[in-house]
Amino acid sequence: SMHNSAADFMAHQFKPVMKFIESTTG
């Protein structure tokens, strides 16, 4: 919904987000 970028969302780019959310160290 941000629509502020010309970048296309790709599934592999979301993996670090999931790792960050699940990380215990932040």
mmCIF file of all heavy atoms, coordinates in Angstrom:
data_MODEL
# 
_entry.id   MODEL 
# 
loop_
_atom_site.group_PDB 
_atom_site.id 
_atom_site.type_symbol 
_atom_site.label_atom_id 
_atom_site.label_alt_id 
_atom_site.label_comp_id 
_atom_site.label_asym_id 
_atom_site.label_entity_id 
_atom_site.label_seq_id 
_atom_site.pdbx_PDB_ins_code 
_atom_site.Cartn_x 
_atom_site.Cartn_y 
_atom_site.Cartn_z 
_atom_site.occupancy 
_atom_site.B_iso_or_equiv 
_atom_site.pdbx_formal_charge 
_atom_site.auth_seq_id 
_atom_site.auth_comp_id 
_atom_site.auth_asym_id 
_atom_site.auth_atom_id 
_atom_site.pdbx_PDB_model_num 
ATOM 1   N N   . SER A 1 1  ? 0.799  -1.220  0.000   1.00 0.00 ? 1  SER A N   1 
ATOM 2   C CA  . SER A 1 1  ? 0.000  0.000   0.000   1.00 0.00 ? 1  SER A CA  1 
ATOM 3   C C   . SER A 1 1  ? 0.834  1.273   0.000   1.00 0.00 ? 1  SER A C   1 
ATOM 4   O O   . SER A 1 1  ? 0.290  2.348   -0.170  1.00 0.00 ? 1  SER A O   1 
ATOM 5   C CB  . SER A 1 1  ? -0.929 0.009   1.214   1.00 0.00 ? 1  SER A CB  1 
ATOM 6   O OG  . SER A 1 1  ? -0.176 0.100   2.396   1.00 0.00 ? 1  SER A OG  1 
ATOM 7   N N   . MET A 1 2  ? 2.124  1.183   0.181   1.00 0.00 ? 2  MET A N   1 
ATOM 8   C CA  . MET A 1 2  ? 2.914  2.401   0.285   1.00 0.00 ? 2  MET A CA  1 
ATOM 9   C C   . MET A 1 2  ? 2.978  3.175   -1.032  1.00 0.00 ? 2  MET A C   1 
ATOM 10  O O   . MET A 1 2  ? 2.932  4.376   -1.035  1.00 0.00 ? 2  MET A O   1 
ATOM 11  C CB  . MET A 1 2  ? 4.308  2.083   0.814   1.00 0.00 ? 2  MET A CB  1 
ATOM 12  C CG  . MET A 1 2  ? 4.269  1.701   2.264   1.00 0.00 ? 2  MET A CG  1 
ATOM 13  S SD  . MET A 1 2  ? 5.895  1.566   2.956   1.00 0.00 ? 2  MET A SD  1 
ATOM 14  C CE  . MET A 1 2  ? 5.490  1.025   4.581   1.00 0.00 ? 2  MET A CE  1 
ATOM 15  N N   . HIS A 1 3  ? 3.113  2.522   -2.133  1.00 0.00 ? 3  HIS A N   1 
ATOM 16  C CA  . HIS A 1 3  ? 3.125  3.140   -3.467  1.00 0.00 ? 3  HIS A CA  1 
ATOM 17  C C   . HIS A 1 3  ? 4.068  4.333   -3.567  1.00 0.00 ? 3  HIS A C   1 
ATOM 18  O O   . HIS A 1 3  ? 3.833  5.251   -4.328  1.00 0.00 ? 3  HIS A O   1 
ATOM 19  C CB  . HIS A 1 3  ? 1.714  3.581   -3.876  1.00 0.00 ? 3  HIS A CB  1 
ATOM 20  C CG  . HIS A 1 3  ? 0.742  2.463   -3.957  1.00 0.00 ? 3  HIS A CG  1 
ATOM 21  N ND1 . HIS A 1 3  ? 0.868  1.420   -4.839  1.00 0.00 ? 3  HIS A ND1 1 
ATOM 22  C CD2 . HIS A 1 3  ? -0.380 2.214   -3.237  1.00 0.00 ? 3  HIS A CD2 1 
ATOM 23  C CE1 . HIS A 1 3  ? -0.135 0.581   -4.682  1.00 0.00 ? 3  HIS A CE1 1 
ATOM 24  N NE2 . HIS A 1 3  ? -0.910 1.031   -3.712  1.00 0.00 ? 3  HIS A NE2 1 
ATOM 25  N N   . ASN A 1 4  ? 5.107  4.362   -2.765  1.00 0.00 ? 4  ASN A N   1 
ATOM 26  C CA  . ASN A 1 4  ? 6.049  5.472   -2.793  1.00 0.00 ? 4  ASN A CA  1 
ATOM 27  C C   . ASN A 1 4  ? 7.320  5.127   -3.547  1.00 0.00 ? 4  ASN A C   1 
ATOM 28  O O   . ASN A 1 4  ? 8.238  5.917   -3.570  1.00 0.00 ? 4  ASN A O   1 
ATOM 29  C CB  . ASN A 1 4  ? 6.424  5.886   -1.358  1.00 0.00 ? 4  ASN A CB  1 
ATOM 30  C CG  . ASN A 1 4  ? 5.254  6.500   -0.640  1.00 0.00 ? 4  ASN A CG  1 
ATOM 31  O OD1 . ASN A 1 4  ? 4.392  7.085   -1.267  1.00 0.00 ? 4  ASN A OD1 1 
ATOM 32  N ND2 . ASN A 1 4  ? 5.231  6.369   0.663   1.00 0.00 ? 4  ASN A ND2 1 
ATOM 33  N N   . SER A 1 5  ? 7.382  3.974   -4.140  1.00 0.00 ? 5  SER A N   1 
ATOM 34  C CA  . SER A 1 5  ? 8.614  3.535   -4.765  1.00 0.00 ? 5  SER A CA  1 
ATOM 35  C C   . SER A 1 5  ? 8.311  2.867   -6.099  1.00 0.00 ? 5  SER A C   1 
ATOM 36  O O   . SER A 1 5  ? 7.234  2.327   -6.308  1.00 0.00 ? 5  SER A O   1 
ATOM 37  C CB  . SER A 1 5  ? 9.310  2.544   -3.836  1.00 0.00 ? 5  SER A CB  1 
ATOM 38  O OG  . SER A 1 5  ? 10.381 1.941   -4.491  1.00 0.00 ? 5  SER A OG  1 
ATOM 39  N N   . ALA A 1 6  ? 9.295  2.906   -6.963  1.00 0.00 ? 6  ALA A N   1 
ATOM 40  C CA  . ALA A 1 6  ? 9.153  2.207   -8.239  1.00 0.00 ? 6  ALA A CA  1 
ATOM 41  C C   . ALA A 1 6  ? 9.634  0.767   -8.113  1.00 0.00 ? 6  ALA A C   1 
ATOM 42  O O   . ALA A 1 6  ? 9.612  0.021   -9.075  1.00 0.00 ? 6  ALA A O   1 
ATOM 43  C CB  . ALA A 1 6  ? 9.955  2.932   -9.320  1.00 0.00 ? 6  ALA A CB  1 
ATOM 44  N N   . ALA A 1 7  ? 10.066 0.370   -6.926  1.00 0.00 ? 7  ALA A N   1 
ATOM 45  C CA  . ALA A 1 7  ? 10.580 -0.987  -6.712  1.00 0.00 ? 7  ALA A CA  1 
ATOM 46  C C   . ALA A 1 7  ? 9.433  -1.987  -6.702  1.00 0.00 ? 7  ALA A C   1 
ATOM 47  O O   . ALA A 1 7  ? 8.351  -1.708  -6.202  1.00 0.00 ? 7  ALA A O   1 
ATOM 48  C CB  . ALA A 1 7  ? 11.332 -1.051  -5.384  1.00 0.00 ? 7  ALA A CB  1 
ATOM 49  N N   . ASP A 1 8  ? 9.691  -3.152  -7.266  1.00 0.00 ? 8  ASP A N   1 
ATOM 50  C CA  . ASP A 1 8  ? 8.712  -4.239  -7.249  1.00 0.00 ? 8  ASP A CA  1 
ATOM 51  C C   . ASP A 1 8  ? 9.009  -5.142  -6.065  1.00 0.00 ? 8  ASP A C   1 
ATOM 52  O O   . ASP A 1 8  ? 10.155 -5.466  -5.776  1.00 0.00 ? 8  ASP A O   1 
ATOM 53  C CB  . ASP A 1 8  ? 8.797  -5.065  -8.546  1.00 0.00 ? 8  ASP A CB  1 
ATOM 54  C CG  . ASP A 1 8  ? 8.366  -4.259  -9.756  1.00 0.00 ? 8  ASP A CG  1 
ATOM 55  O OD1 . ASP A 1 8  ? 7.464  -3.418  -9.610  1.00 0.00 ? 8  ASP A OD1 1 
ATOM 56  O OD2 . ASP A 1 8  ? 8.946  -4.471  -10.838 1.00 0.00 ? 8  ASP A OD2 1 
ATOM 57  N N   . PHE A 1 9  ? 7.957  -5.564  -5.388  1.00 0.00 ? 9  PHE A N   1 
ATOM 58  C CA  . PHE A 1 9  ? 8.103  -6.488  -4.271  1.00 0.00 ? 9  PHE A CA  1 
ATOM 59  C C   . PHE A 1 9  ? 8.456  -7.867  -4.800  1.00 0.00 ? 9  PHE A C   1 
ATOM 60  O O   . PHE A 1 9  ? 7.798  -8.383  -5.696  1.00 0.00 ? 9  PHE A O   1 
ATOM 61  C CB  . PHE A 1 9  ? 6.808  -6.554  -3.463  1.00 0.00 ? 9  PHE A CB  1 
ATOM 62  C CG  . PHE A 1 9  ? 6.870  -7.551  -2.348  1.00 0.00 ? 9  PHE A CG  1 
ATOM 63  C CD1 . PHE A 1 9  ? 7.485  -7.223  -1.155  1.00 0.00 ? 9  PHE A CD1 1 
ATOM 64  C CD2 . PHE A 1 9  ? 6.358  -8.819  -2.487  1.00 0.00 ? 9  PHE A CD2 1 
ATOM 65  C CE1 . PHE A 1 9  ? 7.557  -8.136  -0.118  1.00 0.00 ? 9  PHE A CE1 1 
ATOM 66  C CE2 . PHE A 1 9  ? 6.417  -9.741  -1.470  1.00 0.00 ? 9  PHE A CE2 1 
ATOM 67  C CZ  . PHE A 1 9  ? 7.025  -9.396  -0.281  1.00 0.00 ? 9  PHE A CZ  1 
ATOM 68  N N   . MET A 1 10 ? 9.513  -8.472  -4.261  1.00 0.00 ? 10 MET A N   1 
ATOM 69  C CA  . MET A 1 10 ? 9.907  -9.838  -4.615  1.00 0.00 ? 10 MET A CA  1 
ATOM 70  C C   . MET A 1 10 ? 9.973  -10.652 -3.334  1.00 0.00 ? 10 MET A C   1 
ATOM 71  O O   . MET A 1 10 ? 10.442 -10.166 -2.306  1.00 0.00 ? 10 MET A O   1 
ATOM 72  C CB  . MET A 1 10 ? 11.258 -9.832  -5.316  1.00 0.00 ? 10 MET A CB  1 
ATOM 73  C CG  . MET A 1 10 ? 11.233 -9.091  -6.630  1.00 0.00 ? 10 MET A CG  1 
ATOM 74  S SD  . MET A 1 10 ? 12.807 -9.198  -7.447  1.00 0.00 ? 10 MET A SD  1 
ATOM 75  C CE  . MET A 1 10 ? 12.545 -8.069  -8.776  1.00 0.00 ? 10 MET A CE  1 
ATOM 76  N N   . ALA A 1 11 ? 9.501  -11.871 -3.390  1.00 0.00 ? 11 ALA A N   1 
ATOM 77  C CA  . ALA A 1 11 ? 9.368  -12.710 -2.196  1.00 0.00 ? 11 ALA A CA  1 
ATOM 78  C C   . ALA A 1 11 ? 10.685 -12.872 -1.439  1.00 0.00 ? 11 ALA A C   1 
ATOM 79  O O   . ALA A 1 11 ? 10.706 -12.849 -0.217  1.00 0.00 ? 11 ALA A O   1 
ATOM 80  C CB  . ALA A 1 11 ? 8.798  -14.067 -2.573  1.00 0.00 ? 11 ALA A CB  1 
ATOM 81  N N   . HIS A 1 12 ? 11.812 -13.015 -2.158  1.00 0.00 ? 12 HIS A N   1 
ATOM 82  C CA  . HIS A 1 12 ? 13.084 -13.233 -1.464  1.00 0.00 ? 12 HIS A CA  1 
ATOM 83  C C   . HIS A 1 12 ? 13.501 -12.010 -0.649  1.00 0.00 ? 12 HIS A C   1 
ATOM 84  O O   . HIS A 1 12 ? 14.283 -12.126 0.288   1.00 0.00 ? 12 HIS A O   1 
ATOM 85  C CB  . HIS A 1 12 ? 14.196 -13.631 -2.459  1.00 0.00 ? 12 HIS A CB  1 
ATOM 86  C CG  . HIS A 1 12 ? 14.706 -12.496 -3.293  1.00 0.00 ? 12 HIS A CG  1 
ATOM 87  N ND1 . HIS A 1 12 ? 14.108 -12.124 -4.476  1.00 0.00 ? 12 HIS A ND1 1 
ATOM 88  C CD2 . HIS A 1 12 ? 15.747 -11.655 -3.110  1.00 0.00 ? 12 HIS A CD2 1 
ATOM 89  C CE1 . HIS A 1 12 ? 14.766 -11.103 -4.992  1.00 0.00 ? 12 HIS A CE1 1 
ATOM 90  N NE2 . HIS A 1 12 ? 15.768 -10.796 -4.185  1.00 0.00 ? 12 HIS A NE2 1 
ATOM 91  N N   . GLN A 1 13 ? 12.966 -10.833 -0.976  1.00 0.00 ? 13 GLN A N   1 
ATOM 92  C CA  . GLN A 1 13 ? 13.309 -9.629  -0.224  1.00 0.00 ? 13 GLN A CA  1 
ATOM 93  C C   . GLN A 1 13 ? 12.564 -9.558  1.112   1.00 0.00 ? 13 GLN A C   1 
ATOM 94  O O   . GLN A 1 13 ? 12.909 -8.763  1.967   1.00 0.00 ? 13 GLN A O   1 
ATOM 95  C CB  . GLN A 1 13 ? 12.999 -8.381  -1.058  1.00 0.00 ? 13 GLN A CB  1 
ATOM 96  C CG  . GLN A 1 13 ? 13.889 -8.263  -2.275  1.00 0.00 ? 13 GLN A CG  1 
ATOM 97  C CD  . GLN A 1 13 ? 13.443 -7.160  -3.215  1.00 0.00 ? 13 GLN A CD  1 
ATOM 98  O OE1 . GLN A 1 13 ? 12.283 -6.776  -3.241  1.00 0.00 ? 13 GLN A OE1 1 
ATOM 99  N NE2 . GLN A 1 13 ? 14.383 -6.663  -4.001  1.00 0.00 ? 13 GLN A NE2 1 
ATOM 100 N N   . PHE A 1 14 ? 11.559 -10.371 1.283   1.00 0.00 ? 14 PHE A N   1 
ATOM 101 C CA  . PHE A 1 14 ? 10.788 -10.366 2.524   1.00 0.00 ? 14 PHE A CA  1 
ATOM 102 C C   . PHE A 1 14 ? 11.394 -11.307 3.572   1.00 0.00 ? 14 PHE A C   1 
ATOM 103 O O   . PHE A 1 14 ? 11.125 -11.171 4.759   1.00 0.00 ? 14 PHE A O   1 
ATOM 104 C CB  . PHE A 1 14 ? 9.335  -10.760 2.231   1.00 0.00 ? 14 PHE A CB  1 
ATOM 105 C CG  . PHE A 1 14 ? 8.396  -10.464 3.340   1.00 0.00 ? 14 PHE A CG  1 
ATOM 106 C CD1 . PHE A 1 14 ? 8.108  -9.161  3.699   1.00 0.00 ? 14 PHE A CD1 1 
ATOM 107 C CD2 . PHE A 1 14 ? 7.793  -11.479 4.043   1.00 0.00 ? 14 PHE A CD2 1 
ATOM 108 C CE1 . PHE A 1 14 ? 7.238  -8.879  4.730   1.00 0.00 ? 14 PHE A CE1 1 
ATOM 109 C CE2 . PHE A 1 14 ? 6.924  -11.218 5.078   1.00 0.00 ? 14 PHE A CE2 1 
ATOM 110 C CZ  . PHE A 1 14 ? 6.646  -9.912  5.420   1.00 0.00 ? 14 PHE A CZ  1 
ATOM 111 N N   . LYS A 1 15 ? 12.250 -12.247 3.146   1.00 0.00 ? 15 LYS A N   1 
ATOM 112 C CA  . LYS A 1 15 ? 12.862 -13.198 4.085   1.00 0.00 ? 15 LYS A CA  1 
ATOM 113 C C   . LYS A 1 15 ? 13.654 -12.521 5.200   1.00 0.00 ? 15 LYS A C   1 
ATOM 114 O O   . LYS A 1 15 ? 13.539 -12.908 6.360   1.00 0.00 ? 15 LYS A O   1 
ATOM 115 C CB  . LYS A 1 15 ? 13.732 -14.204 3.335   1.00 0.00 ? 15 LYS A CB  1 
ATOM 116 C CG  . LYS A 1 15 ? 12.923 -15.224 2.562   1.00 0.00 ? 15 LYS A CG  1 
ATOM 117 C CD  . LYS A 1 15 ? 13.815 -16.212 1.853   1.00 0.00 ? 15 LYS A CD  1 
ATOM 118 C CE  . LYS A 1 15 ? 12.990 -17.196 1.058   1.00 0.00 ? 15 LYS A CE  1 
ATOM 119 N NZ  . LYS A 1 15 ? 13.828 -18.154 0.344   1.00 0.00 ? 15 LYS A NZ  1 
ATOM 120 N N   . PRO A 1 16 ? 14.475 -11.480 4.912   1.00 0.00 ? 16 PRO A N   1 
ATOM 121 C CA  . PRO A 1 16 ? 15.184 -10.815 6.005   1.00 0.00 ? 16 PRO A CA  1 
ATOM 122 C C   . PRO A 1 16 ? 14.234 -10.156 7.013   1.00 0.00 ? 16 PRO A C   1 
ATOM 123 O O   . PRO A 1 16 ? 14.532 -10.086 8.195   1.00 0.00 ? 16 PRO A O   1 
ATOM 124 C CB  . PRO A 1 16 ? 16.044 -9.762  5.310   1.00 0.00 ? 16 PRO A CB  1 
ATOM 125 C CG  . PRO A 1 16 ? 16.210 -10.264 3.929   1.00 0.00 ? 16 PRO A CG  1 
ATOM 126 C CD  . PRO A 1 16 ? 14.951 -11.001 3.606   1.00 0.00 ? 16 PRO A CD  1 
ATOM 127 N N   . VAL A 1 17 ? 13.078 -9.689  6.552   1.00 0.00 ? 17 VAL A N   1 
ATOM 128 C CA  . VAL A 1 17 ? 12.090 -9.102  7.463   1.00 0.00 ? 17 VAL A CA  1 
ATOM 129 C C   . VAL A 1 17 ? 11.635 -10.155 8.465   1.00 0.00 ? 17 VAL A C   1 
ATOM 130 O O   . VAL A 1 17 ? 11.576 -9.907  9.671   1.00 0.00 ? 17 VAL A O   1 
ATOM 131 C CB  . VAL A 1 17 ? 10.881 -8.537  6.687   1.00 0.00 ? 17 VAL A CB  1 
ATOM 132 C CG1 . VAL A 1 17 ? 9.823  -8.020  7.642   1.00 0.00 ? 17 VAL A CG1 1 
ATOM 133 C CG2 . VAL A 1 17 ? 11.317 -7.452  5.728   1.00 0.00 ? 17 VAL A CG2 1 
ATOM 134 N N   . MET A 1 18 ? 11.340 -11.346 7.963   1.00 0.00 ? 18 MET A N   1 
ATOM 135 C CA  . MET A 1 18 ? 10.885 -12.432 8.835   1.00 0.00 ? 18 MET A CA  1 
ATOM 136 C C   . MET A 1 18 ? 11.997 -12.827 9.811   1.00 0.00 ? 18 MET A C   1 
ATOM 137 O O   . MET A 1 18 ? 11.740 -13.050 10.995  1.00 0.00 ? 18 MET A O   1 
ATOM 138 C CB  . MET A 1 18 ? 10.455 -13.645 8.014   1.00 0.00 ? 18 MET A CB  1 
ATOM 139 C CG  . MET A 1 18 ? 9.344  -13.349 7.015   1.00 0.00 ? 18 MET A CG  1 
ATOM 140 S SD  . MET A 1 18 ? 7.919  -12.574 7.755   1.00 0.00 ? 18 MET A SD  1 
ATOM 141 C CE  . MET A 1 18 ? 7.303  -13.914 8.703   1.00 0.00 ? 18 MET A CE  1 
ATOM 142 N N   . LYS A 1 19 ? 13.241 -12.892 9.323   1.00 0.00 ? 19 LYS A N   1 
ATOM 143 C CA  . LYS A 1 19 ? 14.363 -13.229 10.215  1.00 0.00 ? 19 LYS A CA  1 
ATOM 144 C C   . LYS A 1 19 ? 14.537 -12.168 11.297  1.00 0.00 ? 19 LYS A C   1 
ATOM 145 O O   . LYS A 1 19 ? 14.804 -12.485 12.446  1.00 0.00 ? 19 LYS A O   1 
ATOM 146 C CB  . LYS A 1 19 ? 15.661 -13.377 9.420   1.00 0.00 ? 19 LYS A CB  1 
ATOM 147 C CG  . LYS A 1 19 ? 15.764 -14.676 8.688   1.00 0.00 ? 19 LYS A CG  1 
ATOM 148 C CD  . LYS A 1 19 ? 17.138 -14.827 8.063   1.00 0.00 ? 19 LYS A CD  1 
ATOM 149 C CE  . LYS A 1 19 ? 17.245 -16.162 7.363   1.00 0.00 ? 19 LYS A CE  1 
ATOM 150 N NZ  . LYS A 1 19 ? 18.577 -16.377 6.813   1.00 0.00 ? 19 LYS A NZ  1 
ATOM 151 N N   . PHE A 1 20 ? 14.372 -10.888 10.918  1.00 0.00 ? 20 PHE A N   1 
ATOM 152 C CA  . PHE A 1 20 ? 14.513 -9.801  11.888  1.00 0.00 ? 20 PHE A CA  1 
ATOM 153 C C   . PHE A 1 20 ? 13.424 -9.875  12.952  1.00 0.00 ? 20 PHE A C   1 
ATOM 154 O O   . PHE A 1 20 ? 13.687 -9.725  14.142  1.00 0.00 ? 20 PHE A O   1 
ATOM 155 C CB  . PHE A 1 20 ? 14.464 -8.448  11.176  1.00 0.00 ? 20 PHE A CB  1 
ATOM 156 C CG  . PHE A 1 20 ? 14.594 -7.286  12.115  1.00 0.00 ? 20 PHE A CG  1 
ATOM 157 C CD1 . PHE A 1 20 ? 15.813 -6.962  12.667  1.00 0.00 ? 20 PHE A CD1 1 
ATOM 158 C CD2 . PHE A 1 20 ? 13.491 -6.526  12.451  1.00 0.00 ? 20 PHE A CD2 1 
ATOM 159 C CE1 . PHE A 1 20 ? 15.941 -5.899  13.537  1.00 0.00 ? 20 PHE A CE1 1 
ATOM 160 C CE2 . PHE A 1 20 ? 13.607 -5.464  13.322  1.00 0.00 ? 20 PHE A CE2 1 
ATOM 161 C CZ  . PHE A 1 20 ? 14.830 -5.145  13.867  1.00 0.00 ? 20 PHE A CZ  1 
ATOM 162 N N   . ILE A 1 21 ? 12.191 -10.126 12.546  1.00 0.00 ? 21 ILE A N   1 
ATOM 163 C CA  . ILE A 1 21 ? 11.073 -10.218 13.492  1.00 0.00 ? 21 ILE A CA  1 
ATOM 164 C C   . ILE A 1 21 ? 11.296 -11.366 14.469  1.00 0.00 ? 21 ILE A C   1 
ATOM 165 O O   . ILE A 1 21 ? 11.026 -11.246 15.664  1.00 0.00 ? 21 ILE A O   1 
ATOM 166 C CB  . ILE A 1 21 ? 9.738  -10.395 12.737  1.00 0.00 ? 21 ILE A CB  1 
ATOM 167 C CG1 . ILE A 1 21 ? 9.365  -9.091  12.022  1.00 0.00 ? 21 ILE A CG1 1 
ATOM 168 C CG2 . ILE A 1 21 ? 8.620  -10.811 13.685  1.00 0.00 ? 21 ILE A CG2 1 
ATOM 169 C CD1 . ILE A 1 21 ? 8.199  -9.217  11.096  1.00 0.00 ? 21 ILE A CD1 1 
ATOM 170 N N   . GLU A 1 22 ? 11.824 -12.471 13.984  1.00 0.00 ? 22 GLU A N   1 
ATOM 171 C CA  . GLU A 1 22 ? 12.010 -13.651 14.827  1.00 0.00 ? 22 GLU A CA  1 
ATOM 172 C C   . GLU A 1 22 ? 13.340 -13.635 15.582  1.00 0.00 ? 22 GLU A C   1 
ATOM 173 O O   . GLU A 1 22 ? 13.566 -14.484 16.434  1.00 0.00 ? 22 GLU A O   1 
ATOM 174 C CB  . GLU A 1 22 ? 11.913 -14.911 13.965  1.00 0.00 ? 22 GLU A CB  1 
ATOM 175 C CG  . GLU A 1 22 ? 10.513 -15.105 13.395  1.00 0.00 ? 22 GLU A CG  1 
ATOM 176 C CD  . GLU A 1 22 ? 10.448 -16.163 12.317  1.00 0.00 ? 22 GLU A CD  1 
ATOM 177 O OE1 . GLU A 1 22 ? 11.502 -16.664 11.885  1.00 0.00 ? 22 GLU A OE1 1 
ATOM 178 O OE2 . GLU A 1 22 ? 9.331  -16.476 11.899  1.00 0.00 ? 22 GLU A OE2 1 
ATOM 179 N N   . SER A 1 23 ? 14.200 -12.654 15.295  1.00 0.00 ? 23 SER A N   1 
ATOM 180 C CA  . SER A 1 23 ? 15.512 -12.635 15.941  1.00 0.00 ? 23 SER A CA  1 
ATOM 181 C C   . SER A 1 23 ? 15.387 -12.266 17.412  1.00 0.00 ? 23 SER A C   1 
ATOM 182 O O   . SER A 1 23 ? 14.566 -11.448 17.800  1.00 0.00 ? 23 SER A O   1 
ATOM 183 C CB  . SER A 1 23 ? 16.440 -11.664 15.214  1.00 0.00 ? 23 SER A CB  1 
ATOM 184 O OG  . SER A 1 23 ? 16.623 -10.490 15.914  1.00 0.00 ? 23 SER A OG  1 
ATOM 185 N N   . THR A 1 24 ? 16.201 -12.886 18.224  1.00 0.00 ? 24 THR A N   1 
ATOM 186 C CA  . THR A 1 24 ? 16.181 -12.593 19.653  1.00 0.00 ? 24 THR A CA  1 
ATOM 187 C C   . THR A 1 24 ? 17.070 -11.403 19.993  1.00 0.00 ? 24 THR A C   1 
ATOM 188 O O   . THR A 1 24 ? 16.900 -10.794 21.035  1.00 0.00 ? 24 THR A O   1 
ATOM 189 C CB  . THR A 1 24 ? 16.657 -13.812 20.466  1.00 0.00 ? 24 THR A CB  1 
ATOM 190 O OG1 . THR A 1 24 ? 17.945 -14.190 20.016  1.00 0.00 ? 24 THR A OG1 1 
ATOM 191 C CG2 . THR A 1 24 ? 15.688 -14.961 20.301  1.00 0.00 ? 24 THR A CG2 1 
ATOM 192 N N   . THR A 1 25 ? 18.013 -11.074 19.120  1.00 0.00 ? 25 THR A N   1 
ATOM 193 C CA  . THR A 1 25 ? 18.943 -9.979  19.401  1.00 0.00 ? 25 THR A CA  1 
ATOM 194 C C   . THR A 1 25 ? 18.483 -8.653  18.829  1.00 0.00 ? 25 THR A C   1 
ATOM 195 O O   . THR A 1 25 ? 18.989 -7.610  19.224  1.00 0.00 ? 25 THR A O   1 
ATOM 196 C CB  . THR A 1 25 ? 20.334 -10.294 18.812  1.00 0.00 ? 25 THR A CB  1 
ATOM 197 O OG1 . THR A 1 25 ? 20.219 -10.406 17.391  1.00 0.00 ? 25 THR A OG1 1 
ATOM 198 C CG2 . THR A 1 25 ? 20.904 -11.550 19.409  1.00 0.00 ? 25 THR A CG2 1 
ATOM 199 N N   . GLY A 1 26 ? 17.558 -8.665  17.876  1.00 0.00 ? 26 GLY A N   1 
ATOM 200 C CA  . GLY A 1 26 ? 17.136 -7.424  17.236  1.00 0.00 ? 26 GLY A CA  1 
ATOM 201 C C   . GLY A 1 26 ? 18.144 -6.899  16.240  1.00 0.00 ? 26 GLY A C   1 
ATOM 202 O O   . GLY A 1 26 ? 18.143 -5.732  15.892  1.00 0.00 ? 26 GLY A O   1 
# 
